[in-house]
Structures are given as structure tokens and as C-alpha cells.
Amino acid sequence: MIDLLLIQRVVYCTMKFLITLLLCLHFCAVIRQDIPYRDESTYKLSLKMEFKFESAPNINKVDMVNKPNYNGASQMYLNASLKLLSLLDEDYKIRVVNNIGSVLVSKKLKSPDIFLVKLGFANHMKSQTSPNTFTIQFINKEKEITSQIILEIKENGDFMVNGKRFGKV
């Protein structure tokens, strides 16, 4: 008798859990919407390359995960210049986030402006030892992302903008 009550209770709790899980998945599917790419007519993107000396790694610190890639020579450093040609009515803020979650730029938009995004050393991005994907997000007053521009440096050196090849690094 006790075993039958225990089995009924386990079945009831399992069913309750599965129904809750299905409702959560449905809710997440309804809420999650793909964020559209920013219309290319509203901005102009240019890639700026300069040669910089990489700073030497700290000799007093041992990092077993990230292997230093320092050789003392000047290396190509990439900056992306984003010129906003026009703002949409819902544009309130711009934020640039890299693929490890660090926020590089976060500013309120008042008028079309130029933003400089420091991407990093080209060889580090190609080898993926430093962030190689950057998402420029346009946010409205309700803190919702309305559109985005995705910059990515592939291992072969292709510089991609919203999945399209923009050039080679």
C-alpha cells in the first residue's frame, strides 16, 4: 500500500515538473526573437590598421591557460570606426560587447556620431587567444536590443560583418 502511494506521488511530481518545464520552454521560445541586423544604409564601417608594440607580459605572473604570444616586434592592431549616418526613432543607446562578455563601449545616442572600437592585435584574434567577435547593439529606452552589427575575425583572417566578408586581415 505504501509503495503504491509513493509511486503515485513520484508520478504526480514528475508530471508537474514536465508540465512546468514545457511551459517554460514555450515561454522562452515566444520571448526569444532573433535580433535583426542593422540596415547598412544607416552606418558606414571602416577598418583601421596600425602597427603597435605589444606590451610585455608580467614576468611575475604565471598563467597556465593563456599562453603568452609575445615576440617584442610591432604587430598589426585593428580598430573599427563606426560612423552612424542616421539614427532610428527607437535608438537610445549603443553598446559594444565582445564574445567573452566584456562591454567595450556603452553610450547614449544623441545624434549621428562616430565610434571607435578597439578590436585588438590581429594575430591574437586570428588564433582566437583574444576576443574575435564583437557585437554592436542598438538599444531602445525599454532596454531592448532593436538591431545589431556583428564583427568577426575568422582564423583564416577574413573580417566578417553580419556574416558577409568585408575584407581580409
C-alpha atoms as a PDB file:
ATOM      1  CA  MET A   1       0.000   0.000   0.000  1.00  0.00           C
ATOM      2  CA  ILE A   2       2.791   2.399   0.894  1.00  0.00           C
ATOM      3  CA  ASP A   3       4.660   1.563  -2.288  1.00  0.00           C
ATOM      4  CA  LEU A   4       1.596   2.403  -4.385  1.00  0.00           C
ATOM      5  CA  LEU A   5       1.209   5.825  -2.685  1.00  0.00           C
ATOM      6  CA  LEU A   6       4.897   6.515  -3.161  1.00  0.00           C
ATOM      7  CA  ILE A   7       4.704   5.625  -6.861  1.00  0.00           C
ATOM      8  CA  GLN A   8       1.627   7.838  -7.335  1.00  0.00           C
ATOM      9  CA  ARG A   9       3.377  10.740  -5.629  1.00  0.00           C
ATOM     10  CA  VAL A  10       6.514  10.319  -7.774  1.00  0.00           C
ATOM     11  CA  VAL A  11       4.414  10.167 -10.951  1.00  0.00           C
ATOM     12  CA  TYR A  12       2.445  13.267  -9.873  1.00  0.00           C
ATOM     13  CA  CYS A  13       5.635  15.245  -9.116  1.00  0.00           C
ATOM     14  CA  THR A  14       7.231  14.125 -12.373  1.00  0.00           C
ATOM     15  CA  MET A  15       4.180  15.175 -14.381  1.00  0.00           C
ATOM     16  CA  LYS A  16       4.059  18.518 -12.584  1.00  0.00           C
ATOM     17  CA  PHE A  17       7.764  19.065 -13.332  1.00  0.00           C
ATOM     18  CA  LEU A  18       7.361  18.153 -17.020  1.00  0.00           C
ATOM     19  CA  ILE A  19       4.376  20.476 -17.455  1.00  0.00           C
ATOM     20  CA  THR A  20       6.296  23.322 -15.798  1.00  0.00           C
ATOM     21  CA  LEU A  21       9.320  22.603 -17.990  1.00  0.00           C
ATOM     22  CA  LEU A  22       7.194  22.625 -21.157  1.00  0.00           C
ATOM     23  CA  LEU A  23       5.570  25.909 -20.163  1.00  0.00           C
ATOM     24  CA  CYS A  24       8.996  27.447 -19.501  1.00  0.00           C
ATOM     25  CA  LEU A  25      10.328  26.255 -22.849  1.00  0.00           C
ATOM     26  CA  HIS A  26       7.272  27.611 -24.637  1.00  0.00           C
ATOM     27  CA  PHE A  27       7.598  30.946 -22.832  1.00  0.00           C
ATOM     28  CA  CYS A  28      11.296  31.171 -23.735  1.00  0.00           C
ATOM     29  CA  ALA A  29      10.545  30.348 -27.367  1.00  0.00           C
ATOM     30  CA  VAL A  30       7.889  33.075 -27.519  1.00  0.00           C
ATOM     31  CA  ILE A  31      10.099  35.656 -25.813  1.00  0.00           C
ATOM     32  CA  ARG A  32      13.308  34.852 -27.695  1.00  0.00           C
ATOM     33  CA  GLN A  33      13.316  36.545 -31.035  1.00  0.00           C
ATOM     34  CA  ASP A  34      16.190  36.872 -33.416  1.00  0.00           C
ATOM     35  CA  ILE A  35      17.698  40.338 -33.314  1.00  0.00           C
ATOM     36  CA  PRO A  36      17.811  41.847 -36.811  1.00  0.00           C
ATOM     37  CA  TYR A  37      20.969  43.226 -38.356  1.00  0.00           C
ATOM     38  CA  ARG A  38      21.265  46.996 -38.600  1.00  0.00           C
ATOM     39  CA  ASP A  39      20.330  48.378 -42.025  1.00  0.00           C
ATOM     40  CA  GLU A  40      23.556  49.096 -43.928  1.00  0.00           C
ATOM     41  CA  SER A  41      22.250  52.453 -45.124  1.00  0.00           C
ATOM     42  CA  THR A  42      22.313  53.835 -41.553  1.00  0.00           C
ATOM     43  CA  TYR A  43      26.036  53.379 -40.921  1.00  0.00           C
ATOM     44  CA  LYS A  44      29.464  53.309 -42.514  1.00  0.00           C
ATOM     45  CA  LEU A  45      32.082  50.950 -41.147  1.00  0.00           C
ATOM     46  CA  SER A  46      35.797  51.198 -41.798  1.00  0.00           C
ATOM     47  CA  LEU A  47      38.658  49.101 -40.517  1.00  0.00           C
ATOM     48  CA  LYS A  48      41.796  50.922 -39.441  1.00  0.00           C
ATOM     49  CA  MET A  49      45.098  49.124 -39.079  1.00  0.00           C
ATOM     50  CA  GLU A  50      48.147  50.425 -37.284  1.00  0.00           C
ATOM     51  CA  PHE A  51      51.329  48.870 -36.020  1.00  0.00           C
ATOM     52  CA  LYS A  52      51.833  48.841 -32.266  1.00  0.00           C
ATOM     53  CA  PHE A  53      54.272  47.270 -29.897  1.00  0.00           C
ATOM     54  CA  GLU A  54      52.591  44.736 -27.692  1.00  0.00           C
ATOM     55  CA  SER A  55      53.304  45.217 -24.005  1.00  0.00           C
ATOM     56  CA  ALA A  56      55.446  42.531 -22.445  1.00  0.00           C
ATOM     57  CA  PRO A  57      53.666  40.002 -20.250  1.00  0.00           C
ATOM     58  CA  ASN A  58      54.073  40.244 -16.495  1.00  0.00           C
ATOM     59  CA  ILE A  59      57.040  38.014 -15.619  1.00  0.00           C
ATOM     60  CA  ASN A  60      55.831  37.695 -12.023  1.00  0.00           C
ATOM     61  CA  LYS A  61      52.543  36.092 -13.078  1.00  0.00           C
ATOM     62  CA  VAL A  62      52.117  32.559 -14.361  1.00  0.00           C
ATOM     63  CA  ASP A  63      49.059  31.862 -16.497  1.00  0.00           C
ATOM     64  CA  MET A  64      48.621  28.193 -17.301  1.00  0.00           C
ATOM     65  CA  VAL A  65      45.557  28.768 -19.511  1.00  0.00           C
ATOM     66  CA  ASN A  66      46.567  31.650 -21.794  1.00  0.00           C
ATOM     67  CA  LYS A  67      49.965  31.148 -23.343  1.00  0.00           C
ATOM     68  CA  PRO A  68      51.761  34.425 -23.994  1.00  0.00           C
ATOM     69  CA  ASN A  69      52.309  35.220 -27.641  1.00  0.00           C
ATOM     70  CA  TYR A  70      54.869  37.976 -27.162  1.00  0.00           C
ATOM     71  CA  ASN A  71      57.808  38.420 -29.506  1.00  0.00           C
ATOM     72  CA  GLY A  72      58.733  42.092 -28.950  1.00  0.00           C
ATOM     73  CA  ALA A  73      58.117  43.161 -32.563  1.00  0.00           C
ATOM     74  CA  SER A  74      55.474  45.616 -33.685  1.00  0.00           C
ATOM     75  CA  GLN A  75      52.232  43.932 -34.693  1.00  0.00           C
ATOM     76  CA  MET A  76      49.120  44.914 -36.584  1.00  0.00           C
ATOM     77  CA  TYR A  77      46.456  46.379 -34.276  1.00  0.00           C
ATOM     78  CA  LEU A  78      42.881  46.730 -35.532  1.00  0.00           C
ATOM     79  CA  ASN A  79      40.342  49.443 -34.825  1.00  0.00           C
ATOM     80  CA  ALA A  80      36.869  49.618 -36.293  1.00  0.00           C
ATOM     81  CA  SER A  81      35.396  53.023 -36.944  1.00  0.00           C
ATOM     82  CA  LEU A  82      31.592  53.100 -36.981  1.00  0.00           C
ATOM     83  CA  LYS A  83      30.050  56.250 -38.409  1.00  0.00           C
ATOM     84  CA  LEU A  84      26.313  56.466 -37.809  1.00  0.00           C
ATOM     85  CA  LEU A  85      24.747  58.199 -40.793  1.00  0.00           C
ATOM     86  CA  SER A  86      21.262  58.335 -39.306  1.00  0.00           C
ATOM     87  CA  LEU A  87      19.500  57.311 -36.127  1.00  0.00           C
ATOM     88  CA  LEU A  88      16.222  55.461 -35.969  1.00  0.00           C
ATOM     89  CA  ASP A  89      13.424  56.705 -33.722  1.00  0.00           C
ATOM     90  CA  GLU A  90      13.919  53.861 -31.244  1.00  0.00           C
ATOM     91  CA  ASP A  91      17.708  54.317 -30.982  1.00  0.00           C
ATOM     92  CA  TYR A  92      18.584  55.401 -27.462  1.00  0.00           C
ATOM     93  CA  LYS A  93      21.876  53.740 -26.613  1.00  0.00           C
ATOM     94  CA  ILE A  94      24.750  51.895 -28.275  1.00  0.00           C
ATOM     95  CA  ARG A  95      26.716  49.100 -26.635  1.00  0.00           C
ATOM     96  CA  VAL A  96      29.662  47.079 -27.944  1.00  0.00           C
ATOM     97  CA  VAL A  97      30.209  43.652 -26.387  1.00  0.00           C
ATOM     98  CA  ASN A  98      32.896  41.103 -27.267  1.00  0.00           C
ATOM     99  CA  ASN A  99      32.465  37.338 -27.309  1.00  0.00           C
ATOM    100  CA  ILE A 100      33.641  36.914 -23.719  1.00  0.00           C
ATOM    101  CA  GLY A 101      31.024  39.358 -22.445  1.00  0.00           C
ATOM    102  CA  SER A 102      33.140  42.462 -21.829  1.00  0.00           C
ATOM    103  CA  VAL A 103      31.428  45.769 -22.618  1.00  0.00           C
ATOM    104  CA  LEU A 104      33.819  47.935 -24.653  1.00  0.00           C
ATOM    105  CA  VAL A 105      31.538  50.903 -25.394  1.00  0.00           C
ATOM    106  CA  SER A 106      28.272  51.980 -23.816  1.00  0.00           C
ATOM    107  CA  LYS A 107      26.927  55.430 -24.701  1.00  0.00           C
ATOM    108  CA  LYS A 108      23.637  57.211 -25.093  1.00  0.00           C
ATOM    109  CA  LEU A 109      22.906  58.346 -28.616  1.00  0.00           C
ATOM    110  CA  LYS A 110      22.032  61.987 -29.142  1.00  0.00           C
ATOM    111  CA  SER A 111      22.902  62.499 -32.769  1.00  0.00           C
ATOM    112  CA  PRO A 112      24.713  60.601 -35.504  1.00  0.00           C
ATOM    113  CA  ASP A 113      28.259  60.161 -34.303  1.00  0.00           C
ATOM    114  CA  ILE A 114      31.493  58.249 -34.914  1.00  0.00           C
ATOM    115  CA  PHE A 115      32.508  55.449 -32.556  1.00  0.00           C
ATOM    116  CA  LEU A 116      35.958  53.886 -32.415  1.00  0.00           C
ATOM    117  CA  VAL A 117      36.004  50.240 -31.338  1.00  0.00           C
ATOM    118  CA  LYS A 118      39.437  48.929 -30.345  1.00  0.00           C
ATOM    119  CA  LEU A 119      39.439  45.345 -31.567  1.00  0.00           C
ATOM    120  CA  GLY A 120      42.972  44.205 -30.718  1.00  0.00           C
ATOM    121  CA  PHE A 121      46.032  42.587 -32.258  1.00  0.00           C
ATOM    122  CA  ALA A 122      45.222  40.771 -35.494  1.00  0.00           C
ATOM    123  CA  ASN A 123      47.354  37.694 -34.802  1.00  0.00           C
ATOM    124  CA  HIS A 124      45.686  37.162 -31.392  1.00  0.00           C
ATOM    125  CA  MET A 125      42.205  37.391 -32.902  1.00  0.00           C
ATOM    126  CA  LYS A 126      43.095  35.004 -35.723  1.00  0.00           C
ATOM    127  CA  SER A 127      44.486  32.465 -33.278  1.00  0.00           C
ATOM    128  CA  GLN A 128      41.485  33.139 -31.004  1.00  0.00           C
ATOM    129  CA  THR A 129      43.640  33.790 -27.944  1.00  0.00           C
ATOM    130  CA  SER A 130      41.800  37.085 -27.509  1.00  0.00           C
ATOM    131  CA  PRO A 131      38.203  38.069 -28.337  1.00  0.00           C
ATOM    132  CA  ASN A 132      37.486  37.806 -32.064  1.00  0.00           C
ATOM    133  CA  THR A 133      33.757  38.603 -32.235  1.00  0.00           C
ATOM    134  CA  PHE A 134      32.264  41.999 -31.412  1.00  0.00           C
ATOM    135  CA  THR A 135      28.556  42.799 -31.316  1.00  0.00           C
ATOM    136  CA  ILE A 136      27.424  46.405 -31.698  1.00  0.00           C
ATOM    137  CA  GLN A 137      23.969  46.600 -30.146  1.00  0.00           C
ATOM    138  CA  PHE A 138      21.412  49.366 -30.588  1.00  0.00           C
ATOM    139  CA  ILE A 139      19.135  49.621 -27.565  1.00  0.00           C
ATOM    140  CA  ASN A 140      15.827  51.435 -27.052  1.00  0.00           C
ATOM    141  CA  LYS A 141      14.572  53.197 -23.893  1.00  0.00           C
ATOM    142  CA  GLU A 142      12.963  49.969 -22.656  1.00  0.00           C
ATOM    143  CA  LYS A 143      16.483  48.404 -22.686  1.00  0.00           C
ATOM    144  CA  GLU A 144      15.600  46.057 -25.532  1.00  0.00           C
ATOM    145  CA  ILE A 145      18.104  45.381 -28.306  1.00  0.00           C
ATOM    146  CA  THR A 146      16.466  46.580 -31.529  1.00  0.00           C
ATOM    147  CA  SER A 147      19.256  45.860 -34.023  1.00  0.00           C
ATOM    148  CA  GLN A 148      22.877  44.802 -34.119  1.00  0.00           C
ATOM    149  CA  ILE A 149      26.058  44.694 -36.168  1.00  0.00           C
ATOM    150  CA  ILE A 150      28.312  41.672 -35.688  1.00  0.00           C
ATOM    151  CA  LEU A 151      32.037  41.968 -36.446  1.00  0.00           C
ATOM    152  CA  GLU A 152      34.090  38.782 -36.544  1.00  0.00           C
ATOM    153  CA  ILE A 153      37.672  37.892 -37.413  1.00  0.00           C
ATOM    154  CA  LYS A 154      37.959  34.294 -38.645  1.00  0.00           C
ATOM    155  CA  GLU A 155      41.009  32.067 -38.211  1.00  0.00           C
ATOM    156  CA  ASN A 156      41.894  32.490 -41.899  1.00  0.00           C
ATOM    157  CA  GLY A 157      41.912  36.298 -41.487  1.00  0.00           C
ATOM    158  CA  ASP A 158      38.530  37.046 -43.064  1.00  0.00           C
ATOM    159  CA  PHE A 159      36.883  40.095 -41.499  1.00  0.00           C
ATOM    160  CA  MET A 160      33.139  39.447 -41.427  1.00  0.00           C
ATOM    161  CA  VAL A 161      30.366  41.992 -40.914  1.00  0.00           C
ATOM    162  CA  ASN A 162      26.944  40.468 -40.246  1.00  0.00           C
ATOM    163  CA  GLY A 163      28.102  37.187 -41.770  1.00  0.00           C
ATOM    164  CA  LYS A 164      29.345  38.778 -45.001  1.00  0.00           C
ATOM    165  CA  ARG A 165      33.011  39.073 -45.940  1.00  0.00           C
ATOM    166  CA  PHE A 166      34.139  42.679 -45.533  1.00  0.00           C
ATOM    167  CA  GLY A 167      37.856  42.196 -46.116  1.00  0.00           C
ATOM    168  CA  LYS A 168      40.927  40.279 -45.050  1.00  0.00           C
ATOM    169  CA  VAL A 169      43.229  40.977 -42.134  1.00  0.00           C
END
